[in-house]
Amino acid sequence: MVVESLPMSETFNIYCDESCHLENDHHGVMVLGSVWCPLNKVREITTRVAELKLRHGLTAHFEMKWTKVSPSKAQFYLDVLNYFFDYEDLHFRAVVIPDKSKLTHGRFSQSHDDWYYKMYFLMLKTILSPESSYQVYLDVKDTRSGDKIRHLHDVLSSALQDHDRRIVTKMQSIRSHESALLQLADLLIGAIGYAHKGLDSSKTKLALIDRIKKRSGYSVLRSTLPKEPKLNLFVWSPQEVE
C-alpha cells in the first residue's frame, strides 16, 4: 500500500514594527504593522534593497528609516516603494489606532498591555493561515522586549489553538539594522502614521505618501478591503473590537 505524504507547508517570515505604542507618550496615533514574504525570498529581497542603496550612493548597510527621509534621498525611497509594489511576494499589513486618548481600559477590565496584545493579534491574524508556518521577527524596543515577545507568542498560540506551535514556529526580536525587511516595515508604518497625524512639514514625506496612495489605489486614511493582499490597512475604533 502506498501512503501519500502530506504536502509541506510554505514558510513565511513576518517582520513587525510599531509606532507610538506606549500609553502615555503624548502621541494620539498608534500604528502596528508588518512586512511579510516567503522565507525563500528573503535573501533575494535583501540583495535587491542593498543594490538600490548602492545605486543611490548609499552604503549597502545604510539603515533606511522613516525618520531618515530627506530631500537628498527622496528618489531612493521612491524606488524602494516602487520595488515593494512591483514585487508580488512582498506584502504589508497595519492596524491604525487614530486616537489613543479614546481608550477606556477600565471599562473592559484590562491594562494597556492587555489591549496592546489584542491589537497585535488583530494585526497578525489576517496574515496567518493554518496551512502555512511563520517566523515572526519584532524590532527591539526596550529591555522588556523578551518578556513581551514570549507573552505575545503565548497569546497567539492560544488564540490560534496552535498549542504545538506549528503555525507560528518562531517569534524573536532583532535589531532593525540587521534586516532590510524590518526597515521596510518601519518606512511604511512611518508613512501611514504621518498621514493619519495630518502632518505636512516635509514635502519629501508627503511625496512618499502620495506614491503609496497612487500605487495602492487607497487613501491610507481608511480601512482597505479585508483581503487586500499588497497594502492591507485596518483603521480601528474602540467599539469595533471591544
Foldseek 3Di string as FASTA:
>chain_A
DDDDDDDAAFEKEKEKEKDPLDLPPPDFKIKIKIKMFTPVCQVVLLVVLLVLQVVLVHHSLDQAAQVPDDPSCLVSLLVVVVVLLVDQRIAMWMEMALGSVPDDCVVVVHDSLVVVLVRVCVRCVLVFDPRHAYEYEYEDDDPCQVVSQVVSLVVNCVVVVVVVRRHHVYYYYDHSSVGPRNSVGNNVRSLLRCVSVVDDPHPSSVVSNVSVCVSQVDNSNAADPSNPTHYGYHYDDVVVPD
